[in-house]
Amino acid sequence: MKYFIVTYGCQMNWADSEKIAAVLEDTEYKPASKIEDADLIVVNMCSVRQSAVDRVMGLKEKIKNKKTIITGCVLKKDWLKLEKQFGKIIDIKEFIKKAKGNYFKKITSYVPIMTGCNNFCAYCVVPYTRGREISRPVKEIICEIKNLVKTGAKEIWLLGQNVNNYKHNTPPPSSPSKREISLTPPPPRRGRRGEGVDFPELLKIVNDIPGGFWIRFTSPHPKDFSDELINTMAKCEKLGEYLNLPVQAGDNQILKKMNRGYTVSQYEKLVKEIRAKIPNIALSTDVIVGFPGERKKQFENTAKLFRKIKYDMAYINKYSPRAGTVAAKMKDNVSPKEKIRRAKILNEIIMQTALENNKKCIGKTFEVLITAPNIGKTRSNKTIKINNDIPVGKFVNVKITDALVWGLKGELKNEQQTYSNSGADGFGENGFVNKTRQKI
């Protein structure tokens, strides 16, 4: 029997799909290379946006004669509609509970460190589909990451709907670092609240895990971004210089209606502080156009902010009402045509600033992780095309020869080193291509 998983949603959905696959393979299902060859179709979706629900409904004809299971972040209203169309729906928590930690050899791996959200942004269904915030135990997270690194993971994403609000009340596990070499055991390291391990402390612990790999995280909330987190990001050598910092709107009145908990000036101040500590950081963001009541002038404030911040990338979403949210009770008075127009304007701004940022890289040499044949990622999460046959999973030095809107082109630097297969951690003496690499 073969299975095929269709995933619509964020990185958390992709992480859940890996657990679904592990559960199915424990029951002797085998993966199918394409949906037509599968005996079982699992659709792992997210109800956060109506577009995802529409995409699932569009699958009906294609999979009508297949055994199908729907799961994921599903609103009750959508649950009933999908159950009527597809039959069986299983709570994603059931798959997660049954997953026994089977890991697949992947270069990029997603590790959920917490689920749920306490913020109740006016447009968002996550608190209703995932529940309130629950942080995973530190030891559980570290064990998972260690196993992933052993099986070849080189890029670890720490996930949470409000990832920088992680807080677990158990003391951190012993860390395999030089700090342990002492006759007197050090006191347990504490987070800034003195209640166990918070997110900055977790980053330090993950950074201490042996091996040559990068760390990334998503998605943080601007209102919970502390000075301690910024300082920790600057000091953790395994943490890539990339940050997705959702702004959602560039107008104070709209931000207040969204219940975001910060103003435009506070967001700008945060960006300034982050860039002061991490000058080469690449920034992306999430934004919603056409939120109920958003006037043209208010949208222009968002466009103005985009030009000022000069993001490297943005996830631009056209507002759609979701049942049960506060915003769903507001009048959706921005026309679909106007939403498309506004999204196009922001996309044009991003294309301009992304290209400007990428052109600054030409002639420089950076550390790159090969993620696919002739394709790699920089530490700042920029895609780079390389015309060299390098094994996937290797770290190499690449000189940038050209800049595109959404990526770079480069060539291998002469007489460079790559990760070796020797050394205590399996990645050579220092675990990096060279100690003087530029961070991008």
Protein backbone atom coordinates (compact mmCIF):
# COMPACT_ATOMS: atom_id res chain seq x y z
CA MET A 1 0.00 0.00 0.00
CA LYS A 2 1.27 3.47 -0.91
CA TYR A 3 0.53 6.93 0.51
CA PHE A 4 0.90 10.49 -0.77
CA ILE A 5 0.77 13.61 1.44
CA VAL A 6 -0.46 16.93 0.10
CA THR A 7 0.63 19.84 2.31
CA TYR A 8 -0.89 23.32 2.22
CA GLY A 9 0.38 25.70 4.89
CA CYS A 10 3.39 26.97 6.79
CA GLN A 11 6.56 25.24 7.98
CA MET A 12 4.62 23.85 10.94
CA ASN A 13 2.39 21.95 8.51
CA TRP A 14 5.47 20.60 6.74
CA ALA A 15 6.89 19.44 10.07
CA ASP A 16 3.60 17.73 10.85
CA SER A 17 3.65 16.04 7.43
CA GLU A 18 6.97 14.40 8.35
CA LYS A 19 5.34 12.97 11.47
CA ILE A 20 2.34 11.78 9.43
CA ALA A 21 4.74 10.00 7.06
CA ALA A 22 6.51 8.37 10.03
CA VAL A 23 3.19 7.08 11.41
CA LEU A 24 2.11 5.70 8.02
CA GLU A 25 5.44 3.97 7.43
CA ASP A 26 5.20 2.37 10.86
CA THR A 27 1.97 0.77 9.59
CA GLU A 28 3.81 -0.56 6.51
CA TYR A 29 2.65 2.10 4.04
CA LYS A 30 5.25 3.12 1.45
CA PRO A 31 5.56 6.60 -0.10
CA ALA A 32 4.24 7.09 -3.63
CA SER A 33 6.19 9.34 -5.99
CA LYS A 34 3.00 10.91 -7.36
CA ILE A 35 -0.57 11.26 -6.21
CA GLU A 36 -1.96 9.03 -8.98
CA ASP A 37 0.00 6.03 -7.66
CA ALA A 38 -1.20 6.32 -4.07
CA ASP A 39 -3.79 4.15 -2.34
CA LEU A 40 -4.14 6.69 0.47
CA ILE A 41 -4.11 10.48 0.16
CA VAL A 42 -3.50 12.57 3.27
CA VAL A 43 -4.23 16.28 2.88
CA ASN A 44 -2.49 18.28 5.62
CA MET A 45 -3.92 21.77 5.41
CA CYS A 46 -4.26 25.08 7.21
CA SER A 47 -7.52 27.01 7.57
CA VAL A 48 -5.72 30.26 8.32
CA ARG A 49 -6.50 31.47 4.78
CA GLN A 50 -9.51 30.79 2.61
CA SER A 51 -7.21 30.17 -0.37
CA ALA A 52 -5.92 26.97 1.25
CA VAL A 53 -9.47 25.70 1.78
CA ASP A 54 -10.26 26.48 -1.86
CA ARG A 55 -7.18 24.54 -3.01
CA VAL A 56 -8.27 21.50 -1.00
CA MET A 57 -11.76 21.65 -2.45
CA GLY A 58 -10.17 21.83 -5.89
CA LEU A 59 -8.58 18.41 -5.30
CA LYS A 60 -11.94 16.67 -5.09
CA GLU A 61 -12.15 15.52 -8.70
CA LYS A 62 -8.51 14.45 -8.82
CA ILE A 63 -8.77 12.19 -5.77
CA LYS A 64 -12.47 11.27 -5.77
CA ASN A 65 -11.79 7.53 -6.12
CA LYS A 66 -8.98 7.47 -3.55
CA LYS A 67 -9.13 6.84 0.17
CA THR A 68 -8.60 10.31 1.62
CA ILE A 69 -7.85 11.73 5.07
CA ILE A 70 -7.99 15.44 5.87
CA THR A 71 -5.96 16.81 8.79
CA GLY A 72 -4.09 19.92 9.92
CA CYS A 73 -5.18 23.30 11.33
CA VAL A 74 -8.87 23.07 10.45
CA LEU A 75 -11.58 25.43 11.66
CA LYS A 76 -14.79 23.81 12.87
CA LYS A 77 -16.77 25.43 10.04
CA ASP A 78 -14.30 24.14 7.45
CA TRP A 79 -14.14 20.77 9.21
CA LEU A 80 -17.86 20.17 8.62
CA LYS A 81 -17.64 21.26 4.99
CA LEU A 82 -14.58 19.12 4.26
CA GLU A 83 -15.98 16.12 6.11
CA LYS A 84 -19.04 16.25 3.88
CA GLN A 85 -16.90 16.36 0.73
CA PHE A 86 -14.07 13.99 1.62
CA GLY A 87 -15.26 11.81 4.48
CA LYS A 88 -12.62 11.14 7.10
CA ILE A 89 -10.97 13.94 9.09
CA ILE A 90 -8.39 13.21 11.79
CA ASP A 91 -7.14 15.71 14.36
CA ILE A 92 -3.46 16.42 13.64
CA LYS A 93 -2.72 15.86 17.33
CA GLU A 94 -3.53 12.16 16.86
CA PHE A 95 -0.76 11.79 14.28
CA ILE A 96 1.71 13.73 16.43
CA LYS A 97 1.00 11.53 19.48
CA LYS A 98 1.59 8.35 17.45
CA ALA A 99 4.84 9.48 15.82
CA LYS A 100 7.71 7.55 17.39
CA GLY A 101 10.56 9.80 16.31
CA ASN A 102 11.26 8.25 12.93
CA TYR A 103 13.53 10.63 11.04
CA PHE A 104 14.10 10.89 7.33
CA LYS A 105 17.47 11.87 5.94
CA LYS A 106 16.91 15.48 4.91
CA ILE A 107 19.23 18.44 4.62
CA THR A 108 16.59 20.83 5.98
CA SER A 109 14.54 19.73 8.99
CA TYR A 110 11.74 21.45 10.89
CA VAL A 111 11.53 21.11 14.68
CA PRO A 112 8.39 22.46 16.38
CA ILE A 113 9.37 23.81 19.81
CA MET A 114 5.89 25.00 20.76
CA THR A 115 2.34 24.97 19.46
CA GLY A 116 -0.59 27.33 19.76
CA CYS A 117 -0.81 31.06 20.28
CA ASN A 118 -2.11 33.40 22.99
CA ASN A 119 -2.18 36.59 20.93
CA PHE A 120 -5.59 36.39 19.23
CA CYS A 121 -4.76 38.68 16.34
CA ALA A 122 -8.08 39.80 14.88
CA TYR A 123 -7.64 37.98 11.55
CA CYS A 124 -6.02 34.74 12.77
CA VAL A 125 -7.53 31.32 13.50
CA VAL A 126 -4.44 29.71 15.06
CA PRO A 127 -5.65 30.08 18.69
CA TYR A 128 -8.85 28.32 17.63
CA THR A 129 -7.22 25.52 15.61
CA ARG A 130 -3.99 24.96 17.59
CA GLY A 131 -5.11 26.18 21.00
CA ARG A 132 -3.12 28.17 23.57
CA GLU A 133 0.67 28.18 23.70
CA ILE A 134 2.34 24.98 24.89
CA SER A 135 6.15 24.75 24.92
CA ARG A 136 7.85 21.39 24.41
CA PRO A 137 10.31 20.16 27.05
CA VAL A 138 13.89 21.23 26.38
CA LYS A 139 15.29 17.69 26.60
CA GLU A 140 12.77 16.49 24.01
CA ILE A 141 13.76 19.25 21.58
CA ILE A 142 17.49 18.67 22.03
CA CYS A 143 17.11 14.90 21.59
CA GLU A 144 15.21 15.44 18.34
CA ILE A 145 17.81 17.87 16.98
CA LYS A 146 20.69 15.56 17.88
CA ASN A 147 19.00 12.70 16.03
CA LEU A 148 18.40 14.90 13.00
CA VAL A 149 22.03 16.03 12.92
CA LYS A 150 23.17 12.40 13.16
CA THR A 151 21.05 11.54 10.10
CA GLY A 152 22.53 14.36 8.02
CA ALA A 153 20.46 17.48 8.74
CA LYS A 154 22.47 20.65 8.05
CA GLU A 155 19.73 23.26 8.48
CA ILE A 156 17.47 23.14 11.55
CA TRP A 157 14.39 25.36 11.69
CA LEU A 158 12.89 25.95 15.16
CA LEU A 159 9.16 26.46 14.73
CA GLY A 160 6.36 28.06 16.69
CA GLN A 161 3.38 30.26 15.93
CA ASN A 162 4.94 32.71 18.40
CA VAL A 163 8.37 31.14 18.59
CA ASN A 164 10.10 33.82 20.66
CA ASN A 165 7.56 33.36 23.44
CA TYR A 166 8.90 29.86 24.10
CA LYS A 167 9.26 29.18 27.81
CA HIS A 168 9.64 25.83 29.56
CA ASN A 169 9.96 25.51 33.30
CA THR A 170 12.41 22.61 33.45
CA PRO A 171 16.14 23.29 33.84
CA PRO A 172 18.22 22.99 30.67
CA PRO A 173 20.02 19.73 29.85
CA SER A 174 23.76 19.54 30.34
CA SER A 175 25.46 21.11 27.37
CA PRO A 176 28.44 19.43 25.66
CA SER A 177 30.57 22.54 25.73
CA LYS A 178 33.83 23.64 27.30
CA ARG A 179 31.88 25.27 30.12
CA GLU A 180 31.29 21.78 31.59
CA ILE A 181 34.98 21.11 32.18
CA SER A 182 35.00 22.01 35.86
CA LEU A 183 35.26 20.19 39.17
CA THR A 184 32.38 22.26 40.46
CA PRO A 185 29.16 21.92 38.40
CA PRO A 186 27.85 25.30 37.23
CA PRO A 187 24.46 26.51 38.44
CA PRO A 188 21.58 25.82 36.04
CA ARG A 189 21.32 28.49 33.37
CA ARG A 190 18.10 30.45 33.57
CA GLY A 191 16.02 32.49 31.17
CA ARG A 192 15.35 36.14 31.71
CA ARG A 193 12.23 35.41 33.74
CA GLY A 194 14.07 33.08 36.11
CA GLU A 195 11.59 30.30 35.35
CA GLY A 196 13.61 27.73 33.45
CA VAL A 197 14.44 28.06 29.77
CA ASP A 198 13.14 30.82 27.53
CA PHE A 199 13.80 31.23 23.81
CA PRO A 200 17.19 33.02 23.98
CA GLU A 201 18.42 30.34 26.37
CA LEU A 202 17.12 27.57 24.10
CA LEU A 203 19.03 29.07 21.18
CA LYS A 204 22.24 28.94 23.23
CA ILE A 205 21.64 25.30 24.11
CA VAL A 206 20.94 24.32 20.49
CA ASN A 207 23.99 26.28 19.37
CA ASP A 208 26.12 24.12 21.73
CA ILE A 209 25.08 20.85 20.06
CA PRO A 210 28.12 19.38 18.26
CA GLY A 211 28.11 19.23 14.47
CA GLY A 212 28.23 21.40 11.41
CA PHE A 213 24.72 22.77 10.93
CA TRP A 214 22.83 26.03 10.78
CA ILE A 215 19.96 27.18 12.97
CA ARG A 216 16.99 29.26 11.84
CA PHE A 217 13.65 30.04 13.48
CA THR A 218 10.18 31.28 12.58
CA SER A 219 7.88 33.02 13.26
CA PRO A 220 8.58 35.54 16.00
CA HIS A 221 6.18 38.24 17.19
CA PRO A 222 7.63 41.79 17.21
CA LYS A 223 6.06 42.66 20.57
CA ASP A 224 7.89 39.77 22.26
CA PHE A 225 11.32 40.47 20.72
CA SER A 226 13.66 41.21 23.64
CA ASP A 227 17.11 42.80 23.79
CA GLU A 228 18.33 39.49 25.18
CA LEU A 229 17.15 37.68 22.07
CA ILE A 230 18.89 40.16 19.78
CA ASN A 231 22.15 39.79 21.72
CA THR A 232 21.86 36.00 21.66
CA MET A 233 21.25 35.98 17.91
CA ALA A 234 24.39 38.04 17.39
CA LYS A 235 26.51 35.65 19.47
CA CYS A 236 25.28 32.23 18.27
CA GLU A 237 27.67 31.29 15.45
CA LYS A 238 25.37 28.57 14.07
CA LEU A 239 22.40 30.90 13.72
CA GLY A 240 21.98 32.14 10.15
CA GLU A 241 21.71 35.87 9.50
CA TYR A 242 18.07 35.72 8.40
CA LEU A 243 14.88 36.80 10.13
CA ASN A 244 11.24 36.78 9.18
CA LEU A 245 9.68 39.60 11.21
CA PRO A 246 5.95 39.86 10.43
CA VAL A 247 4.71 43.44 10.28
CA GLN A 248 1.19 42.72 8.86
CA ALA A 249 0.47 46.43 8.28
CA GLY A 250 2.32 49.75 8.19
CA ASP A 251 -0.44 51.88 9.67
CA ASN A 252 -1.06 52.31 13.40
CA GLN A 253 -4.85 52.30 13.19
CA ILE A 254 -4.86 49.06 11.20
CA LEU A 255 -2.33 47.47 13.56
CA LYS A 256 -4.60 48.36 16.48
CA LYS A 257 -7.63 46.84 14.73
CA MET A 258 -5.54 43.73 14.07
CA ASN A 259 -4.63 43.55 17.81
CA ARG A 260 -0.94 43.31 17.00
CA GLY A 261 0.30 45.01 20.17
CA TYR A 262 2.88 47.41 18.67
CA THR A 263 3.06 50.60 16.62
CA VAL A 264 4.91 51.31 13.39
CA SER A 265 7.56 53.34 15.24
CA GLN A 266 8.11 50.48 17.72
CA TYR A 267 8.55 48.05 14.82
CA GLU A 268 11.01 50.40 13.09
CA LYS A 269 12.97 50.79 16.34
CA LEU A 270 13.18 47.01 16.67
CA VAL A 271 14.49 46.63 13.11
CA LYS A 272 17.10 49.32 13.79
CA GLU A 273 18.27 47.54 16.96
CA ILE A 274 18.50 44.17 15.18
CA ARG A 275 20.50 45.63 12.28
CA ALA A 276 22.83 47.42 14.69
CA LYS A 277 23.77 44.10 16.30
CA ILE A 278 23.61 41.97 13.13
CA PRO A 279 24.49 44.32 10.22
CA ASN A 280 24.33 41.68 7.47
CA ILE A 281 20.96 40.22 8.46
CA ALA A 282 18.41 39.63 5.70
CA LEU A 283 14.84 40.54 6.62
CA SER A 284 11.59 39.16 5.28
CA THR A 285 8.10 39.91 6.52
CA ASP A 286 4.42 38.96 6.35
CA VAL A 287 1.81 41.54 5.43
CA ILE A 288 -1.95 41.61 4.84
CA VAL A 289 -3.48 43.94 2.26
CA GLY A 290 -7.15 44.88 2.23
CA PHE A 291 -7.85 44.35 5.93
CA PRO A 292 -11.40 45.52 6.78
CA GLY A 293 -11.54 49.30 6.75
CA GLU A 294 -8.06 49.78 5.29
CA ARG A 295 -8.23 53.05 3.35
CA LYS A 296 -5.90 53.89 0.48
CA LYS A 297 -3.95 56.31 2.66
CA GLN A 298 -3.45 53.61 5.27
CA PHE A 299 -2.21 51.21 2.62
CA GLU A 300 0.17 53.90 1.36
CA ASN A 301 1.67 53.96 4.87
CA THR A 302 2.42 50.26 4.47
CA ALA A 303 4.04 50.87 1.09
CA LYS A 304 6.07 53.69 2.66
CA LEU A 305 7.29 51.34 5.40
CA PHE A 306 8.30 48.73 2.79
CA ARG A 307 10.42 51.31 0.98
CA LYS A 308 12.02 52.40 4.26
CA ILE A 309 12.82 48.95 5.67
CA LYS A 310 14.01 47.55 2.31
CA TYR A 311 13.05 43.93 2.95
CA ASP A 312 14.73 41.08 1.10
CA MET A 313 11.45 39.24 0.74
CA ALA A 314 7.81 39.42 1.79
CA TYR A 315 4.86 37.08 2.05
CA ILE A 316 2.01 39.25 0.80
CA ASN A 317 -1.49 38.05 1.66
CA LYS A 318 -4.83 39.38 0.50
CA TYR A 319 -7.23 39.49 3.42
CA SER A 320 -9.97 36.87 3.55
CA PRO A 321 -12.43 36.60 6.48
CA ARG A 322 -12.13 33.49 8.67
CA ALA A 323 -15.13 32.36 10.68
CA GLY A 324 -14.82 32.83 14.43
CA THR A 325 -12.24 35.61 14.33
CA VAL A 326 -12.87 39.19 15.43
CA ALA A 327 -12.14 40.49 11.93
CA ALA A 328 -14.82 38.25 10.47
CA LYS A 329 -17.39 40.47 12.21
CA MET A 330 -15.98 43.54 10.44
CA LYS A 331 -17.20 44.63 7.04
CA ASP A 332 -14.88 43.27 4.34
CA ASN A 333 -15.14 46.51 2.37
CA VAL A 334 -11.98 46.38 0.23
CA SER A 335 -12.82 44.89 -3.16
CA PRO A 336 -10.94 41.85 -4.49
CA LYS A 337 -9.69 44.00 -7.38
CA GLU A 338 -8.28 46.60 -4.98
CA LYS A 339 -6.61 43.90 -2.87
CA ILE A 340 -4.88 42.60 -5.99
CA ARG A 341 -3.75 46.12 -6.89
CA ARG A 342 -2.28 46.72 -3.44
CA ALA A 343 -0.52 43.36 -3.40
CA LYS A 344 1.01 44.14 -6.78
CA ILE A 345 2.36 47.49 -5.52
CA LEU A 346 4.06 45.85 -2.53
CA ASN A 347 5.45 43.08 -4.73
CA GLU A 348 7.00 45.67 -7.06
CA ILE A 349 8.63 47.42 -4.09
CA ILE A 350 10.03 44.11 -2.81
CA MET A 351 11.38 43.19 -6.23
CA GLN A 352 13.25 46.50 -6.34
CA THR A 353 14.69 46.35 -2.81
CA ALA A 354 15.55 42.63 -3.05
CA LEU A 355 17.52 43.24 -6.24
CA GLU A 356 19.30 46.24 -4.69
CA ASN A 357 20.26 44.13 -1.66
CA ASN A 358 21.44 41.23 -3.81
CA LYS A 359 23.60 43.45 -6.04
CA LYS A 360 25.64 44.40 -2.97
CA CYS A 361 26.79 40.78 -2.82
CA ILE A 362 28.48 40.72 -6.24
CA GLY A 363 32.20 40.05 -5.98
CA LYS A 364 32.01 38.83 -2.39
CA THR A 365 32.55 35.27 -1.17
CA PHE A 366 30.13 33.55 1.18
CA GLU A 367 29.51 30.27 2.89
CA VAL A 368 26.85 28.23 1.06
CA LEU A 369 24.98 25.03 1.91
CA ILE A 370 24.24 22.88 -1.15
CA THR A 371 20.55 21.93 -0.88
CA ALA A 372 19.93 20.48 -4.37
CA PRO A 373 21.93 19.85 -7.55
CA ASN A 374 23.53 23.20 -8.55
CA ILE A 375 21.46 25.03 -5.91
CA GLY A 376 22.45 26.30 -2.49
CA LYS A 377 21.46 28.61 0.34
CA THR A 378 23.52 31.33 1.99
CA ARG A 379 23.49 31.86 5.74
CA SER A 380 20.99 34.67 5.13
CA ASN A 381 18.66 32.22 3.34
CA LYS A 382 19.28 33.55 -0.16
CA THR A 383 19.02 31.01 -2.98
CA ILE A 384 22.13 30.73 -5.12
CA LYS A 385 22.73 28.92 -8.40
CA ILE A 386 26.16 27.32 -8.87
CA ASN A 387 27.33 25.63 -12.08
CA ASN A 388 29.33 22.97 -10.27
CA ASP A 389 28.59 19.36 -9.42
CA ILE A 390 28.80 19.49 -5.62
CA PRO A 391 27.23 16.81 -3.37
CA VAL A 392 24.05 17.88 -1.61
CA GLY A 393 24.70 18.66 2.04
CA LYS A 394 28.18 20.11 1.57
CA PHE A 395 29.22 23.56 2.77
CA VAL A 396 31.36 25.47 0.27
CA ASN A 397 32.77 28.94 -0.35
CA VAL A 398 31.11 30.65 -3.31
CA LYS A 399 32.01 33.91 -5.02
CA ILE A 400 28.95 35.85 -6.19
CA THR A 401 29.02 36.68 -9.91
CA ASP A 402 25.50 37.95 -10.55
CA ALA A 403 22.39 39.11 -8.71
CA LEU A 404 18.77 38.30 -9.52
CA VAL A 405 15.59 39.54 -7.87
CA TRP A 406 15.02 36.37 -5.87
CA GLY A 407 18.53 34.98 -5.69
CA LEU A 408 22.18 34.97 -6.67
CA LYS A 409 24.56 33.29 -9.09
CA GLY A 410 28.06 32.25 -8.12
CA GLU A 411 31.09 30.09 -8.71
CA LEU A 412 33.25 28.03 -6.40
CA LYS A 413 36.17 29.87 -4.89
CA ASN A 414 39.53 28.40 -5.91
CA GLU A 415 41.39 26.21 -3.43
CA GLN A 416 38.48 26.21 -1.02
CA GLN A 417 37.79 23.72 1.73
CA THR A 418 34.58 21.80 2.29
CA TYR A 419 33.43 19.95 5.35
CA SER A 420 35.48 16.82 5.87
CA ASN A 421 34.24 13.50 7.21
CA SER A 422 36.81 13.49 10.00
CA GLY A 423 37.02 15.20 13.36
CA ALA A 424 35.25 14.59 16.64
CA ASP A 425 31.93 15.88 15.34
CA GLY A 426 32.31 14.55 11.82
CA PHE A 427 32.86 17.97 10.30
CA GLY A 428 36.57 18.71 10.68
CA GLU A 429 38.34 20.72 13.34
CA ASN A 430 36.27 23.89 13.45
CA GLY A 431 33.07 22.75 11.73
CA PHE A 432 33.11 25.66 9.27
CA VAL A 433 34.46 26.30 5.81
CA ASN A 434 36.79 28.95 7.23
CA LYS A 435 36.90 31.12 10.29
CA THR A 436 36.83 34.40 8.41
CA ARG A 437 33.74 33.71 6.30
CA GLN A 438 31.45 36.61 5.54
CA LYS A 439 27.97 36.13 6.86
CA ILE A 440 25.14 36.43 4.39
